[in-house]
Amino acid sequence: MSPAPATAPSATPPVGRIHLSKAEVTEVEEAYVLDALRSGWIAPLGPHVDAFEAEVAELVGVAGALALSSGTAALHLALLDAGVGPGDVVPLSSLTFAATVNAVVYTGARPVFVDSRASDGNVDVDLLVDAVDTLRSEGHRVPAVLPVDLLGRCVDYTRLLPAMDRRGVVVVEDAAEALGARHAGGGAGSFGRSAAISFNGNKIMTTSGGGMLLSDDLELLARARYLSTQARHPVPWYEHTEVGYNYRLSNLLAALGRGQLERLPSMIDRRRAIRARYAEALAPFDDVRLLGRSDGDTDADDNCWLTTVVLDRPGATVADDLVTALTAADIEARHVWKPMHRQPVFACDRAFVTGGSDELFRTGVTLPSGASLRDDEVERVVDELVGYLGR
């Protein structure tokens, strides 16, 4: 698929801050939200929630979906379904956002961090398998693993899923950043027993705040639906036999999500076009690469949520210096995720590391990638980036 053209800039475009991944809302979303408002379904749940679940499930290619208040809620419910609880350990990607790890901790289990491949930042499958085998040999219970589809690129599930299946370990896919990405013909969110996606404000598409649990197991989703609505029994009074959660998505936010979902293909195309422009501009620099992008790559399987430049250069402050330079030019940029095994809150937890995620944290910087970026804004980023790299 060829990159989508940019929206034509105005004759005198305003000069201002360029954001990393700003949400884009059009008349399409406005129409959906207005319909929800006029329908009277203002309270949580409603027809837009039901439709949104069906539409996302169809897009991803799974039997069903459950709309929730956040991707973190989806991860929590998925881990509970996998039988994760106090005393267990859950190996997971170290290069991720804290929400992935927090969901493990909510269950009473402890995380075990596994390092990344330098090529794309996704979890090192061989190391993950080794972590599971080592932990089990030491007597630990390992009911599940939690790989993360980093920055919109799927983990190598072709190798991971059979390895975990042979060991009887549940795979919970954290596809929070990857809606619209694909691997071996399957959609992000369709791998493993269940998966979580996020609709936070800066994601590939948004419901302002929200997430979804995906699975081919409809009984799993029914159980999660029950827990997510305060574990209330279907009787004429409030009856509870176990503790539940207030995790459901509102009808208004689902309406916004349906509008975003309608435009998702064009938004992904635009992000791919932006990445292609960055790749073109960086081609002359032998010591600079785009994370996860090979020569001649069209990013056909990535959703290109956040394009990340990796500076294969010496020095302890490589990423810091580039972020500082872009910030001074009023361009939002940030480091890749600081590895979870380096976070003070998880300092006492086990880690299987090779140095891959530490090196990416030292050298990797995410660039403005939002679908709403105009061509002149992309060129402004390119000019600043190329100017800095050429010093």
Protein backbone atom coordinates (compact mmCIF):
# COMPACT_ATOMS: atom_id res chain seq x y z
CA MET A 1 0.00 0.00 0.00
CA SER A 2 1.45 3.37 -0.94
CA PRO A 3 1.75 6.08 1.73
CA ALA A 4 -1.25 8.35 2.08
CA PRO A 5 -0.73 11.97 1.11
CA ALA A 6 -0.74 14.58 3.82
CA THR A 7 -3.60 16.91 4.41
CA ALA A 8 -2.74 20.09 2.56
CA PRO A 9 -1.48 22.77 4.96
CA SER A 10 -3.11 26.17 5.13
CA ALA A 11 -1.57 29.06 3.20
CA THR A 12 0.13 30.42 6.32
CA PRO A 13 0.33 27.51 8.77
CA PRO A 14 0.75 28.49 12.40
CA VAL A 15 4.13 27.98 14.02
CA GLY A 16 3.92 26.23 17.37
CA ARG A 17 4.71 23.13 19.32
CA ILE A 18 4.83 19.87 17.37
CA HIS A 19 3.39 17.05 19.45
CA LEU A 20 4.49 13.44 19.59
CA SER A 21 1.14 11.77 18.90
CA LYS A 22 -1.77 14.16 19.15
CA ALA A 23 -5.30 12.81 18.78
CA GLU A 24 -7.15 13.83 15.62
CA VAL A 25 -10.92 14.27 15.73
CA THR A 26 -13.09 15.09 12.71
CA GLU A 27 -16.75 15.45 11.78
CA VAL A 28 -16.94 11.65 11.64
CA GLU A 29 -16.32 11.32 15.37
CA GLU A 30 -18.55 14.30 16.12
CA ALA A 31 -21.46 12.61 14.36
CA TYR A 32 -21.05 9.42 16.37
CA VAL A 33 -20.79 11.24 19.70
CA LEU A 34 -23.75 13.48 18.89
CA ASP A 35 -25.79 10.37 18.10
CA ALA A 36 -24.85 8.91 21.48
CA LEU A 37 -25.79 12.13 23.26
CA ARG A 38 -29.15 12.38 21.53
CA SER A 39 -29.93 8.72 22.13
CA GLY A 40 -30.08 9.23 25.89
CA TRP A 41 -27.47 6.53 26.54
CA ILE A 42 -25.28 8.75 28.69
CA ALA A 43 -24.71 6.27 31.50
CA PRO A 44 -22.12 3.51 31.11
CA LEU A 45 -22.81 0.87 28.46
CA GLY A 46 -25.26 1.16 25.60
CA PRO A 47 -25.63 0.35 21.89
CA HIS A 48 -22.40 2.04 20.83
CA VAL A 49 -20.47 -0.13 23.29
CA ASP A 50 -21.99 -3.27 21.80
CA ALA A 51 -21.27 -2.14 18.24
CA PHE A 52 -17.74 -1.03 19.09
CA GLU A 53 -16.91 -4.42 20.57
CA ALA A 54 -18.20 -6.23 17.49
CA GLU A 55 -16.36 -3.95 15.08
CA VAL A 56 -13.00 -4.23 16.84
CA ALA A 57 -13.33 -8.00 17.14
CA GLU A 58 -14.01 -8.21 13.40
CA LEU A 59 -11.03 -5.99 12.56
CA VAL A 60 -8.62 -7.99 14.71
CA GLY A 61 -10.05 -11.35 13.72
CA VAL A 62 -11.19 -12.76 17.07
CA ALA A 63 -14.48 -14.17 18.28
CA GLY A 64 -15.26 -11.41 20.74
CA ALA A 65 -14.21 -8.29 22.60
CA LEU A 66 -14.97 -6.50 25.85
CA ALA A 67 -14.81 -2.69 26.00
CA LEU A 68 -13.19 -1.48 29.21
CA SER A 69 -12.06 1.69 30.95
CA SER A 70 -8.37 1.13 30.11
CA GLY A 71 -5.88 -1.24 28.57
CA THR A 72 -4.58 -1.84 32.09
CA ALA A 73 -7.99 -3.13 33.13
CA ALA A 74 -7.93 -5.50 30.16
CA LEU A 75 -4.51 -6.84 31.18
CA HIS A 76 -5.63 -7.30 34.77
CA LEU A 77 -8.70 -9.32 33.77
CA ALA A 78 -6.66 -11.37 31.27
CA LEU A 79 -4.14 -12.30 33.93
CA LEU A 80 -6.87 -13.25 36.38
CA ASP A 81 -8.34 -15.53 33.73
CA ALA A 82 -4.90 -17.14 33.30
CA GLY A 83 -4.94 -18.06 36.97
CA VAL A 84 -2.22 -15.62 37.99
CA GLY A 85 -2.21 -14.89 41.70
CA PRO A 86 -0.14 -14.41 44.85
CA GLY A 87 3.10 -16.37 44.87
CA ASP A 88 3.27 -16.66 41.07
CA VAL A 89 5.82 -15.06 38.76
CA VAL A 90 5.05 -13.66 35.30
CA PRO A 91 7.89 -13.15 32.80
CA LEU A 92 7.25 -10.09 30.64
CA SER A 93 8.92 -7.56 28.39
CA SER A 94 11.16 -5.17 30.31
CA LEU A 95 10.97 -2.51 27.59
CA THR A 96 7.41 -1.35 28.16
CA PHE A 97 5.21 1.17 29.94
CA ALA A 98 4.62 0.64 33.66
CA ALA A 99 0.96 -0.32 33.13
CA THR A 100 2.04 -3.75 31.85
CA VAL A 101 3.85 -4.49 35.07
CA ASN A 102 1.26 -2.88 37.31
CA ALA A 103 -1.38 -5.30 36.02
CA VAL A 104 0.79 -8.21 37.17
CA VAL A 105 1.25 -6.67 40.61
CA TYR A 106 -2.53 -6.13 40.95
CA THR A 107 -2.95 -9.92 40.95
CA GLY A 108 -0.51 -10.39 43.81
CA ALA A 109 2.09 -12.01 41.52
CA ARG A 110 5.56 -10.61 40.85
CA PRO A 111 7.04 -9.64 37.49
CA VAL A 112 10.19 -11.16 36.01
CA PHE A 113 11.72 -8.89 33.38
CA VAL A 114 13.04 -10.19 30.06
CA ASP A 115 15.25 -8.19 27.73
CA SER A 116 14.68 -7.03 24.15
CA ARG A 117 16.02 -7.60 20.68
CA ALA A 118 18.12 -4.70 19.44
CA SER A 119 16.48 -4.86 16.01
CA ASP A 120 12.94 -3.84 17.01
CA GLY A 121 12.81 -3.58 20.81
CA ASN A 122 10.41 -6.52 21.16
CA VAL A 123 11.06 -9.25 23.70
CA ASP A 124 13.86 -11.72 22.96
CA VAL A 125 11.84 -14.92 22.47
CA ASP A 126 14.78 -17.24 23.18
CA LEU A 127 15.52 -15.40 26.41
CA LEU A 128 11.85 -15.50 27.39
CA VAL A 129 11.74 -19.27 26.90
CA ASP A 130 14.94 -19.62 28.90
CA ALA A 131 13.45 -17.49 31.69
CA VAL A 132 10.37 -19.73 31.91
CA ASP A 133 12.47 -22.90 32.00
CA THR A 134 14.89 -21.50 34.58
CA LEU A 135 12.15 -20.23 36.87
CA ARG A 136 10.30 -23.54 36.74
CA SER A 137 13.48 -25.48 37.43
CA GLU A 138 13.86 -23.37 40.57
CA GLY A 139 10.38 -24.31 41.73
CA HIS A 140 8.47 -21.17 40.76
CA ARG A 141 4.94 -21.33 39.36
CA VAL A 142 4.78 -19.58 35.96
CA PRO A 143 1.15 -19.60 34.79
CA ALA A 144 1.53 -16.95 32.08
CA VAL A 145 3.90 -14.77 30.08
CA LEU A 146 3.15 -11.22 28.99
CA PRO A 147 4.89 -10.11 25.76
CA VAL A 148 4.44 -6.52 24.57
CA ASP A 149 3.95 -5.48 20.93
CA LEU A 150 6.27 -2.51 21.19
CA LEU A 151 5.40 0.79 19.49
CA GLY A 152 3.03 -0.89 17.04
CA ARG A 153 5.06 -3.95 15.95
CA CYS A 154 4.06 -7.51 16.86
CA VAL A 155 6.28 -9.89 18.78
CA ASP A 156 7.50 -12.98 16.90
CA TYR A 157 4.49 -15.10 17.83
CA THR A 158 5.38 -17.67 15.17
CA ARG A 159 8.14 -18.81 17.51
CA LEU A 160 6.73 -17.80 20.87
CA LEU A 161 3.30 -19.43 20.81
CA PRO A 162 4.43 -23.02 20.07
CA ALA A 163 7.15 -22.77 22.74
CA MET A 164 4.67 -21.68 25.40
CA ASP A 165 2.05 -24.17 24.25
CA ARG A 166 4.53 -27.02 24.76
CA ARG A 167 5.13 -25.78 28.29
CA GLY A 168 1.48 -25.25 29.15
CA VAL A 169 2.05 -21.52 29.76
CA VAL A 170 -0.69 -19.04 28.87
CA VAL A 171 0.29 -16.17 26.56
CA VAL A 172 -1.40 -12.85 27.32
CA GLU A 173 -0.64 -10.38 24.53
CA ASP A 174 -0.13 -6.74 25.47
CA ALA A 175 -1.14 -5.18 22.16
CA ALA A 176 -1.90 -1.82 23.76
CA GLU A 177 0.13 0.07 21.15
CA ALA A 178 -0.41 -2.20 18.17
CA LEU A 179 -4.02 -2.11 16.91
CA GLY A 180 -3.89 -2.46 13.13
CA ALA A 181 -0.49 -4.19 13.09
CA ARG A 182 -0.12 -7.73 11.78
CA HIS A 183 2.13 -10.77 12.10
CA ALA A 184 2.10 -13.82 9.82
CA GLY A 185 -1.33 -12.84 8.55
CA GLY A 186 -2.90 -12.37 11.97
CA GLY A 187 -3.94 -9.09 13.55
CA ALA A 188 -2.35 -7.65 16.67
CA GLY A 189 -4.61 -8.67 19.53
CA SER A 190 -5.37 -12.12 18.08
CA PHE A 191 -2.41 -13.98 19.56
CA GLY A 192 -2.37 -16.04 22.71
CA ARG A 193 -5.31 -16.86 24.96
CA SER A 194 -6.30 -13.21 25.27
CA ALA A 195 -5.00 -9.75 24.45
CA ALA A 196 -5.34 -6.16 25.60
CA ILE A 197 -5.41 -3.02 23.48
CA SER A 198 -5.46 0.59 24.60
CA PHE A 199 -7.45 3.60 23.39
CA ASN A 200 -5.59 6.14 25.51
CA GLY A 201 -5.38 9.66 24.11
CA ASN A 202 -2.02 9.25 22.36
CA LYS A 203 -2.61 5.82 20.81
CA ILE A 204 -3.14 4.97 17.14
CA MET A 205 -6.85 5.64 17.77
CA THR A 206 -8.53 6.87 20.92
CA THR A 207 -11.70 6.87 22.98
CA SER A 208 -10.10 9.59 25.16
CA GLY A 209 -9.45 6.88 27.71
CA GLY A 210 -10.31 3.22 27.37
CA GLY A 211 -9.22 -0.22 26.32
CA MET A 212 -10.45 -3.61 25.19
CA LEU A 213 -9.98 -7.27 26.05
CA LEU A 214 -9.93 -9.60 23.03
CA SER A 215 -10.20 -13.37 22.82
CA ASP A 216 -11.53 -16.31 20.82
CA ASP A 217 -12.80 -17.77 24.09
CA LEU A 218 -16.31 -16.40 24.66
CA GLU A 219 -16.53 -17.96 28.13
CA LEU A 220 -13.39 -16.03 29.11
CA LEU A 221 -15.01 -12.81 27.91
CA ALA A 222 -18.27 -13.58 29.72
CA ARG A 223 -16.40 -14.11 32.97
CA ALA A 224 -14.41 -10.89 32.43
CA ARG A 225 -17.62 -9.01 31.64
CA TYR A 226 -19.10 -10.17 34.95
CA LEU A 227 -16.01 -9.14 36.93
CA SER A 228 -15.78 -5.79 35.15
CA THR A 229 -19.30 -4.81 36.23
CA GLN A 230 -18.65 -5.19 39.98
CA ALA A 231 -19.32 -8.97 39.86
CA ARG A 232 -23.02 -8.32 40.16
CA HIS A 233 -25.32 -11.30 39.75
CA PRO A 234 -28.28 -10.97 37.32
CA VAL A 235 -31.01 -10.82 39.95
CA PRO A 236 -33.52 -8.03 40.80
CA TRP A 237 -31.34 -6.79 43.68
CA TYR A 238 -27.60 -6.19 44.21
CA GLU A 239 -26.13 -9.62 44.84
CA HIS A 240 -22.36 -10.21 45.05
CA THR A 241 -20.50 -13.40 45.92
CA GLU A 242 -17.01 -12.15 45.04
CA VAL A 243 -15.13 -8.90 44.57
CA GLY A 244 -15.49 -7.26 41.16
CA TYR A 245 -14.22 -4.15 39.40
CA ASN A 246 -15.67 -0.98 37.88
CA TYR A 247 -13.96 -1.44 34.52
CA ARG A 248 -16.56 -0.86 31.79
CA LEU A 249 -16.42 1.75 29.01
CA SER A 250 -19.11 4.39 28.60
CA ASN A 251 -21.43 4.62 25.60
CA LEU A 252 -20.18 8.14 24.80
CA LEU A 253 -16.54 7.07 24.65
CA ALA A 254 -17.44 4.01 22.60
CA ALA A 255 -19.17 6.30 20.11
CA LEU A 256 -15.96 8.32 19.78
CA GLY A 257 -14.08 5.06 19.29
CA ARG A 258 -16.38 3.96 16.49
CA GLY A 259 -15.66 7.17 14.61
CA GLN A 260 -11.94 6.71 15.12
CA LEU A 261 -12.15 3.08 14.03
CA GLU A 262 -13.84 4.11 10.79
CA ARG A 263 -10.84 6.29 9.99
CA LEU A 264 -8.17 3.93 11.33
CA PRO A 265 -6.86 2.74 7.92
CA SER A 266 -6.23 6.30 6.74
CA MET A 267 -4.60 7.24 10.05
CA ILE A 268 -2.24 4.27 9.81
CA ASP A 269 -1.43 5.16 6.19
CA ARG A 270 -0.56 8.69 7.26
CA ARG A 271 1.77 7.45 10.01
CA ARG A 272 3.44 5.14 7.51
CA ALA A 273 3.96 8.07 5.17
CA ILE A 274 5.58 10.06 7.98
CA ARG A 275 7.89 7.14 8.80
CA ALA A 276 8.81 6.84 5.12
CA ARG A 277 9.79 10.51 5.07
CA TYR A 278 11.99 10.07 8.15
CA ALA A 279 13.61 7.00 6.58
CA GLU A 280 14.36 8.97 3.41
CA ALA A 281 15.89 11.84 5.37
CA LEU A 282 18.04 9.53 7.52
CA ALA A 283 19.33 7.37 4.66
CA PRO A 284 22.66 9.27 4.37
CA PHE A 285 23.55 8.58 8.02
CA ASP A 286 25.22 5.19 8.44
CA ASP A 287 25.13 5.35 12.23
CA VAL A 288 21.41 6.14 12.49
CA ARG A 289 18.49 3.77 11.93
CA LEU A 290 14.76 3.53 12.52
CA LEU A 291 13.84 0.95 15.14
CA GLY A 292 12.31 -2.14 13.54
CA ARG A 293 12.77 -0.93 9.97
CA SER A 294 14.98 -2.85 7.52
CA ASP A 295 16.29 -1.59 4.18
CA GLY A 296 13.46 -1.46 1.67
CA ASP A 297 10.87 -2.02 4.41
CA THR A 298 7.42 -0.59 3.68
CA ASP A 299 6.22 -1.09 7.27
CA ALA A 300 3.28 -3.07 5.86
CA ASP A 301 2.85 -5.09 9.08
CA ASP A 302 3.46 -2.24 11.56
CA ASN A 303 0.89 0.35 12.51
CA CYS A 304 3.77 2.88 12.86
CA TRP A 305 2.33 4.28 16.07
CA LEU A 306 5.58 5.93 17.18
CA THR A 307 8.59 6.11 14.89
CA THR A 308 11.82 5.72 16.86
CA VAL A 309 15.27 6.76 15.70
CA VAL A 310 18.26 4.84 17.09
CA LEU A 311 21.61 6.60 17.16
CA ASP A 312 24.36 3.96 17.08
CA ARG A 313 26.87 6.42 18.47
CA PRO A 314 29.10 6.43 21.54
CA GLY A 315 28.35 8.44 24.65
CA ALA A 316 26.15 8.08 27.68
CA THR A 317 23.82 10.95 26.76
CA VAL A 318 23.10 10.22 23.09
CA ALA A 319 19.31 10.15 23.50
CA ASP A 320 19.33 12.94 26.09
CA ASP A 321 21.15 15.28 23.74
CA LEU A 322 18.76 14.72 20.83
CA VAL A 323 15.67 15.10 23.02
CA THR A 324 17.12 18.34 24.41
CA ALA A 325 17.83 19.68 20.92
CA LEU A 326 14.35 18.89 19.62
CA THR A 327 12.70 20.26 22.75
CA ALA A 328 14.58 23.53 22.27
CA ALA A 329 13.01 23.71 18.80
CA ASP A 330 9.53 23.22 20.35
CA ILE A 331 9.30 19.67 19.04
CA GLU A 332 8.07 16.98 21.42
CA ALA A 333 10.30 13.90 21.50
CA ARG A 334 11.07 11.38 24.20
CA HIS A 335 13.27 8.46 25.10
CA VAL A 336 12.04 4.95 24.43
CA TRP A 337 10.59 3.35 27.55
CA LYS A 338 13.03 3.21 30.41
CA PRO A 339 13.38 -0.55 31.03
CA MET A 340 11.25 -1.77 33.89
CA HIS A 341 14.20 -3.58 35.47
CA ARG A 342 15.77 -0.11 35.88
CA GLN A 343 12.73 1.40 37.60
CA PRO A 344 13.19 2.01 41.35
CA VAL A 345 9.78 0.54 42.19
CA PHE A 346 10.80 -2.82 40.66
CA ALA A 347 14.46 -2.82 41.68
CA CYS A 348 14.09 -5.97 43.77
CA ASP A 349 12.43 -8.04 41.05
CA ARG A 350 14.18 -10.68 38.96
CA ALA A 351 15.46 -9.88 35.45
CA PHE A 352 16.94 -11.82 32.55
CA VAL A 353 18.95 -9.22 30.67
CA THR A 354 21.42 -9.03 27.81
CA GLY A 355 21.78 -5.24 27.74
CA GLY A 356 19.49 -4.82 24.73
CA SER A 357 16.85 -2.60 26.32
CA ASP A 358 19.46 -0.59 28.25
CA GLU A 359 21.21 0.18 24.96
CA LEU A 360 17.95 1.20 23.28
CA PHE A 361 17.15 3.48 26.20
CA ARG A 362 20.57 5.11 25.78
CA THR A 363 20.29 5.56 22.02
CA GLY A 364 16.59 5.60 21.09
CA VAL A 365 14.32 8.63 20.66
CA THR A 366 10.68 8.61 19.54
CA LEU A 367 9.78 11.27 16.99
CA PRO A 368 6.50 13.08 16.27
CA SER A 369 4.35 10.52 14.48
CA GLY A 370 0.71 11.61 14.77
CA ALA A 371 -1.64 11.32 11.81
CA SER A 372 -2.63 14.97 12.22
CA LEU A 373 0.88 16.25 11.44
CA ARG A 374 0.99 18.49 8.38
CA ASP A 375 3.71 18.13 5.76
CA ASP A 376 5.32 21.39 6.83
CA GLU A 377 5.49 20.15 10.44
CA VAL A 378 7.11 16.89 9.36
CA GLU A 379 9.64 18.87 7.33
CA ARG A 380 10.36 21.03 10.36
CA VAL A 381 11.16 17.89 12.37
CA VAL A 382 13.31 16.57 9.51
CA ASP A 383 15.24 19.83 9.27
CA GLU A 384 15.97 19.90 12.99
CA LEU A 385 16.86 16.21 13.09
CA VAL A 386 19.14 16.27 10.07
CA GLY A 387 20.76 19.49 11.26
CA TYR A 388 21.51 17.94 14.64
CA LEU A 389 22.83 14.68 13.21
CA GLY A 390 25.07 16.49 10.74
CA ARG A 391 26.91 18.52 13.36
